[in-house]
Structure formats: structure tokens, C-alpha cells
Amino acid sequence: MRALDRIGPDPGPVLAGACGTWAFLIPLTPNPDWTQLRGVRLMRKGAVLELPLPSARGSDRDLHWIVRPGGTTNPKKLFAALATTRPAPTRRAASPGRRAK
């Protein structure tokens, strides 16, 4: 969410998946070097992404729109937003009978 806020008022369409992954739709143009960013993956050319209808309302467990379709995300703004946003720390779960660190 922090990266989305940093993109600004016109972030382009954003999908959220069941595993906490987000998908931004960016144009097929020369883009920044995404390999520099931790946790960022680009789909291969020709990959298929199943999209829900723009009016679909899914639950948090379904693929659903965070930002409804309309245009594309500016790749330079997205890169800058992701590069300046630290990932949220992961929570460590304790095993039964053990204390969390």
C-alpha cells in the first residue's frame, strides 16, 4: 500500500492475489532494470494473466482489483515507488510449545 501511495493519484490498474502478491499493469516499453528491486518479478512475454471483470467484487482470498482498470501504470513512477519503499517486516510465528523471538 505504501508504494501505491507514492505513485500518486493515477496509479493505473492494480490486482491483488490470494498470497499477498500485487500485479501492476505496465506498458511494453523499455523499462527500468527491475532486477535491482527485491521481490519484483515480471511476467514473460506471452504469459497469460486471468483478470476478473472490472466490476467484479472478490473476497480477500480471490484475485481482485485494488485499483479498477483504466490505462496502465507508469513504469518509472512504479520503479521509484518500489525502490523507496521498504518491504513490510515478516511476522515470525512460534511453533507449538515455543516462544516467538
N, C-alpha and C. Protein backbone atom coordinates (compact mmCIF):
# COMPACT_ATOMS: atom_id res chain seq x y z
N MET A 1 0.82 -1.19 0.00
CA MET A 1 0.00 0.00 0.00
C MET A 1 0.86 1.25 0.00
N ARG A 2 2.00 1.20 0.69
CA ARG A 2 2.87 2.38 0.75
C ARG A 2 3.37 2.75 -0.64
N ALA A 3 3.75 1.75 -1.44
CA ALA A 3 4.22 2.03 -2.80
C ALA A 3 3.10 2.62 -3.63
N LEU A 4 1.90 2.13 -3.47
CA LEU A 4 0.75 2.64 -4.21
C LEU A 4 0.52 4.11 -3.89
N ASP A 5 0.65 4.48 -2.63
CA ASP A 5 0.51 5.88 -2.24
C ASP A 5 1.58 6.76 -2.87
N ARG A 6 2.78 6.22 -3.02
CA ARG A 6 3.89 7.00 -3.58
C ARG A 6 3.77 7.22 -5.08
N ILE A 7 3.03 6.36 -5.76
CA ILE A 7 2.86 6.53 -7.21
C ILE A 7 2.08 7.80 -7.50
N GLY A 8 1.12 8.12 -6.67
CA GLY A 8 0.35 9.33 -6.88
C GLY A 8 -1.10 9.05 -7.21
N PRO A 9 -1.80 10.07 -7.69
CA PRO A 9 -3.25 9.96 -7.88
C PRO A 9 -3.68 9.10 -9.07
N ASP A 10 -2.77 8.75 -9.99
CA ASP A 10 -3.14 7.96 -11.15
C ASP A 10 -2.25 6.72 -11.25
N PRO A 11 -2.48 5.72 -10.37
CA PRO A 11 -1.58 4.57 -10.32
C PRO A 11 -1.77 3.55 -11.43
N GLY A 12 -2.87 3.63 -12.17
CA GLY A 12 -3.16 2.59 -13.15
C GLY A 12 -3.79 1.40 -12.43
N PRO A 13 -4.20 0.37 -13.18
CA PRO A 13 -4.87 -0.77 -12.57
C PRO A 13 -3.93 -1.61 -11.72
N VAL A 14 -4.46 -2.09 -10.58
CA VAL A 14 -3.66 -2.91 -9.66
C VAL A 14 -4.51 -4.09 -9.20
N LEU A 15 -3.94 -5.29 -9.32
CA LEU A 15 -4.59 -6.52 -8.87
C LEU A 15 -3.93 -7.02 -7.60
N ALA A 16 -4.73 -7.60 -6.72
CA ALA A 16 -4.18 -8.24 -5.52
C ALA A 16 -4.56 -9.72 -5.58
N GLY A 17 -3.57 -10.57 -5.28
CA GLY A 17 -3.80 -12.01 -5.31
C GLY A 17 -3.97 -12.59 -3.92
N ALA A 18 -4.29 -13.86 -3.88
CA ALA A 18 -4.58 -14.55 -2.63
C ALA A 18 -3.37 -14.65 -1.71
N CYS A 19 -2.19 -14.67 -2.25
CA CYS A 19 -0.98 -14.86 -1.43
C CYS A 19 -0.32 -13.55 -1.05
N GLY A 20 -1.02 -12.44 -1.18
CA GLY A 20 -0.45 -11.14 -0.84
C GLY A 20 0.36 -10.53 -1.96
N THR A 21 0.29 -11.10 -3.15
CA THR A 21 1.02 -10.54 -4.29
C THR A 21 0.15 -9.48 -4.96
N TRP A 22 0.82 -8.49 -5.52
CA TRP A 22 0.12 -7.44 -6.26
C TRP A 22 0.65 -7.44 -7.68
N ALA A 23 -0.22 -7.12 -8.63
CA ALA A 23 0.17 -7.02 -10.03
C ALA A 23 -0.18 -5.63 -10.55
N PHE A 24 0.81 -4.96 -11.09
CA PHE A 24 0.63 -3.67 -11.74
C PHE A 24 0.73 -3.91 -13.24
N LEU A 25 -0.13 -3.30 -14.02
CA LEU A 25 -0.09 -3.46 -15.46
C LEU A 25 0.71 -2.31 -16.06
N ILE A 26 1.86 -2.64 -16.65
CA ILE A 26 2.73 -1.61 -17.22
C ILE A 26 2.84 -1.83 -18.73
N PRO A 27 3.07 -0.75 -19.50
CA PRO A 27 3.18 -0.90 -20.95
C PRO A 27 4.46 -1.64 -21.34
N LEU A 28 4.43 -2.25 -22.52
CA LEU A 28 5.59 -2.96 -23.04
C LEU A 28 6.52 -1.97 -23.73
N THR A 29 7.27 -1.25 -22.96
CA THR A 29 8.24 -0.28 -23.47
C THR A 29 9.54 -0.50 -22.71
N PRO A 30 10.63 0.11 -23.16
CA PRO A 30 11.86 -0.03 -22.37
C PRO A 30 11.60 0.46 -20.94
N ASN A 31 11.88 -0.40 -20.00
CA ASN A 31 11.58 -0.12 -18.61
C ASN A 31 12.85 -0.10 -17.77
N PRO A 32 12.75 0.39 -16.55
CA PRO A 32 13.91 0.36 -15.65
C PRO A 32 14.38 -1.08 -15.40
N ASP A 33 15.53 -1.22 -14.81
CA ASP A 33 16.09 -2.54 -14.51
C ASP A 33 15.41 -3.10 -13.26
N TRP A 34 14.34 -3.86 -13.46
CA TRP A 34 13.53 -4.39 -12.37
C TRP A 34 14.29 -5.38 -11.51
N THR A 35 15.38 -5.97 -12.04
CA THR A 35 16.14 -6.95 -11.27
C THR A 35 16.82 -6.32 -10.06
N GLN A 36 16.93 -5.00 -10.04
CA GLN A 36 17.53 -4.30 -8.89
C GLN A 36 16.62 -4.32 -7.66
N LEU A 37 15.33 -4.56 -7.87
CA LEU A 37 14.37 -4.48 -6.77
C LEU A 37 14.07 -5.86 -6.20
N ARG A 38 14.14 -5.97 -4.91
CA ARG A 38 13.87 -7.23 -4.22
C ARG A 38 12.38 -7.56 -4.26
N GLY A 39 12.07 -8.80 -4.61
CA GLY A 39 10.69 -9.26 -4.61
C GLY A 39 9.88 -8.89 -5.82
N VAL A 40 10.49 -8.26 -6.82
CA VAL A 40 9.77 -7.85 -8.02
C VAL A 40 10.02 -8.88 -9.12
N ARG A 41 8.95 -9.29 -9.77
CA ARG A 41 9.07 -10.23 -10.87
C ARG A 41 8.22 -9.75 -12.03
N LEU A 42 8.75 -9.87 -13.23
CA LEU A 42 8.00 -9.53 -14.43
C LEU A 42 7.53 -10.82 -15.09
N MET A 43 6.34 -10.78 -15.65
CA MET A 43 5.84 -11.94 -16.38
C MET A 43 6.54 -11.98 -17.73
N ARG A 44 6.75 -13.17 -18.23
CA ARG A 44 7.38 -13.32 -19.54
C ARG A 44 6.43 -12.88 -20.64
N LYS A 45 7.00 -12.47 -21.75
CA LYS A 45 6.20 -12.09 -22.91
C LYS A 45 5.37 -13.30 -23.33
N GLY A 46 4.10 -13.08 -23.54
CA GLY A 46 3.19 -14.15 -23.93
C GLY A 46 2.53 -14.87 -22.76
N ALA A 47 2.90 -14.50 -21.53
CA ALA A 47 2.28 -15.12 -20.36
C ALA A 47 0.81 -14.72 -20.28
N VAL A 48 0.00 -15.58 -19.73
CA VAL A 48 -1.43 -15.33 -19.62
C VAL A 48 -1.77 -14.97 -18.18
N LEU A 49 -2.50 -13.89 -18.02
CA LEU A 49 -2.95 -13.44 -16.71
C LEU A 49 -4.47 -13.40 -16.76
N GLU A 50 -5.12 -14.19 -15.93
CA GLU A 50 -6.58 -14.18 -15.88
C GLU A 50 -7.03 -13.00 -15.04
N LEU A 51 -7.84 -12.15 -15.64
CA LEU A 51 -8.29 -10.94 -14.97
C LEU A 51 -9.76 -11.05 -14.59
N PRO A 52 -10.11 -10.58 -13.40
CA PRO A 52 -11.54 -10.53 -13.07
C PRO A 52 -12.19 -9.39 -13.84
N LEU A 53 -13.49 -9.44 -13.99
CA LEU A 53 -14.20 -8.34 -14.64
C LEU A 53 -13.98 -7.06 -13.83
N PRO A 54 -13.92 -5.90 -14.49
CA PRO A 54 -13.71 -4.66 -13.74
C PRO A 54 -14.73 -4.42 -12.64
N SER A 55 -15.96 -4.91 -12.82
CA SER A 55 -17.00 -4.68 -11.81
C SER A 55 -17.06 -5.80 -10.78
N ALA A 56 -16.20 -6.83 -10.93
CA ALA A 56 -16.24 -7.98 -10.01
C ALA A 56 -15.81 -7.58 -8.61
N ARG A 57 -16.50 -8.14 -7.64
CA ARG A 57 -16.14 -7.91 -6.25
C ARG A 57 -15.74 -9.25 -5.65
N GLY A 58 -14.46 -9.42 -5.42
CA GLY A 58 -13.98 -10.67 -4.85
C GLY A 58 -13.69 -10.50 -3.38
N SER A 59 -13.42 -11.60 -2.74
CA SER A 59 -13.02 -11.53 -1.34
C SER A 59 -11.50 -11.39 -1.29
N ASP A 60 -10.96 -11.25 -0.09
CA ASP A 60 -9.52 -11.14 0.06
C ASP A 60 -8.80 -12.40 -0.40
N ARG A 61 -9.52 -13.51 -0.51
CA ARG A 61 -8.91 -14.75 -0.94
C ARG A 61 -8.94 -14.93 -2.45
N ASP A 62 -9.64 -14.07 -3.15
CA ASP A 62 -9.73 -14.14 -4.61
C ASP A 62 -8.81 -13.10 -5.24
N LEU A 63 -8.51 -13.29 -6.51
CA LEU A 63 -7.84 -12.25 -7.28
C LEU A 63 -8.84 -11.11 -7.42
N HIS A 64 -8.47 -9.91 -7.00
CA HIS A 64 -9.41 -8.80 -7.05
C HIS A 64 -8.67 -7.49 -7.34
N TRP A 65 -9.42 -6.51 -7.80
CA TRP A 65 -8.86 -5.20 -8.15
C TRP A 65 -8.68 -4.36 -6.90
N ILE A 66 -7.47 -3.81 -6.71
CA ILE A 66 -7.23 -2.79 -5.69
C ILE A 66 -7.56 -1.44 -6.31
N VAL A 67 -7.13 -1.25 -7.57
CA VAL A 67 -7.47 -0.06 -8.36
C VAL A 67 -8.08 -0.59 -9.65
N ARG A 68 -9.30 -0.17 -9.95
CA ARG A 68 -10.02 -0.64 -11.14
C ARG A 68 -9.28 -0.28 -12.42
N PRO A 69 -9.51 -1.05 -13.50
CA PRO A 69 -8.82 -0.82 -14.77
C PRO A 69 -9.06 0.57 -15.34
N GLY A 70 -8.06 1.04 -16.04
CA GLY A 70 -8.11 2.32 -16.72
C GLY A 70 -6.69 2.77 -17.00
N GLY A 71 -6.22 2.56 -18.21
CA GLY A 71 -4.85 2.94 -18.56
C GLY A 71 -3.85 1.91 -18.07
N THR A 72 -2.60 2.36 -17.92
CA THR A 72 -1.54 1.49 -17.41
C THR A 72 -0.75 2.26 -16.36
N THR A 73 0.03 1.54 -15.58
CA THR A 73 0.87 2.15 -14.56
C THR A 73 2.13 2.70 -15.22
N ASN A 74 2.53 3.91 -14.84
CA ASN A 74 3.76 4.49 -15.35
C ASN A 74 4.93 3.71 -14.77
N PRO A 75 5.73 3.00 -15.61
CA PRO A 75 6.79 2.15 -15.08
C PRO A 75 7.85 2.91 -14.29
N LYS A 76 8.16 4.14 -14.68
CA LYS A 76 9.18 4.90 -13.96
C LYS A 76 8.69 5.30 -12.57
N LYS A 77 7.41 5.70 -12.47
CA LYS A 77 6.84 6.04 -11.15
C LYS A 77 6.77 4.81 -10.26
N LEU A 78 6.37 3.66 -10.84
CA LEU A 78 6.28 2.43 -10.08
C LEU A 78 7.66 2.01 -9.57
N PHE A 79 8.66 2.08 -10.44
CA PHE A 79 10.03 1.71 -10.05
C PHE A 79 10.51 2.59 -8.91
N ALA A 80 10.30 3.89 -9.03
CA ALA A 80 10.72 4.82 -7.97
C ALA A 80 9.98 4.54 -6.66
N ALA A 81 8.68 4.25 -6.75
CA ALA A 81 7.89 3.97 -5.55
C ALA A 81 8.36 2.69 -4.86
N LEU A 82 8.65 1.66 -5.64
CA LEU A 82 9.11 0.40 -5.06
C LEU A 82 10.54 0.50 -4.54
N ALA A 83 11.36 1.29 -5.20
CA ALA A 83 12.76 1.44 -4.78
C ALA A 83 12.88 2.20 -3.46
N THR A 84 11.91 3.05 -3.17
CA THR A 84 11.98 3.86 -1.93
C THR A 84 11.09 3.34 -0.83
N THR A 85 10.44 2.21 -1.06
CA THR A 85 9.56 1.62 -0.05
C THR A 85 10.19 0.35 0.48
N ARG A 86 10.44 0.32 1.78
CA ARG A 86 11.00 -0.90 2.38
C ARG A 86 9.90 -1.92 2.55
N PRO A 87 10.19 -3.19 2.28
CA PRO A 87 9.16 -4.21 2.46
C PRO A 87 8.71 -4.30 3.92
N ALA A 88 7.45 -4.63 4.10
CA ALA A 88 6.93 -4.79 5.47
C ALA A 88 7.64 -5.98 6.12
N PRO A 89 8.01 -5.85 7.39
CA PRO A 89 8.69 -6.97 8.05
C PRO A 89 7.76 -8.17 8.18
N THR A 90 8.34 -9.36 8.04
CA THR A 90 7.53 -10.57 8.16
C THR A 90 7.37 -10.91 9.63
N ARG A 91 6.22 -11.45 9.97
CA ARG A 91 5.98 -11.88 11.35
C ARG A 91 6.43 -13.31 11.50
N ARG A 92 7.19 -13.57 12.54
CA ARG A 92 7.62 -14.93 12.79
C ARG A 92 6.60 -15.59 13.70
N ALA A 93 6.14 -16.74 13.28
CA ALA A 93 5.17 -17.49 14.09
C ALA A 93 5.92 -18.48 14.97
N ALA A 94 5.41 -18.66 16.16
CA ALA A 94 6.03 -19.60 17.11
C ALA A 94 5.46 -21.00 16.85
N SER A 95 6.32 -21.99 16.99
CA SER A 95 5.87 -23.39 16.93
C SER A 95 5.12 -23.70 18.21
N PRO A 96 4.26 -24.68 18.19
CA PRO A 96 3.57 -25.07 19.43
C PRO A 96 4.58 -25.39 20.51
N GLY A 97 4.41 -24.83 21.67
CA GLY A 97 5.31 -25.10 22.79
C GLY A 97 6.57 -24.24 22.82
N ARG A 98 6.73 -23.35 21.85
CA ARG A 98 7.91 -22.48 21.83
C ARG A 98 7.48 -21.04 21.80
N ARG A 99 8.34 -20.18 22.29
CA ARG A 99 8.04 -18.75 22.26
C ARG A 99 8.57 -18.13 20.97
N ALA A 100 7.83 -17.13 20.49
CA ALA A 100 8.29 -16.39 19.30
C ALA A 100 9.44 -15.50 19.70
N LYS A 101 10.39 -15.31 18.80
CA LYS A 101 11.55 -14.43 19.08
C LYS A 101 11.20 -13.00 18.75
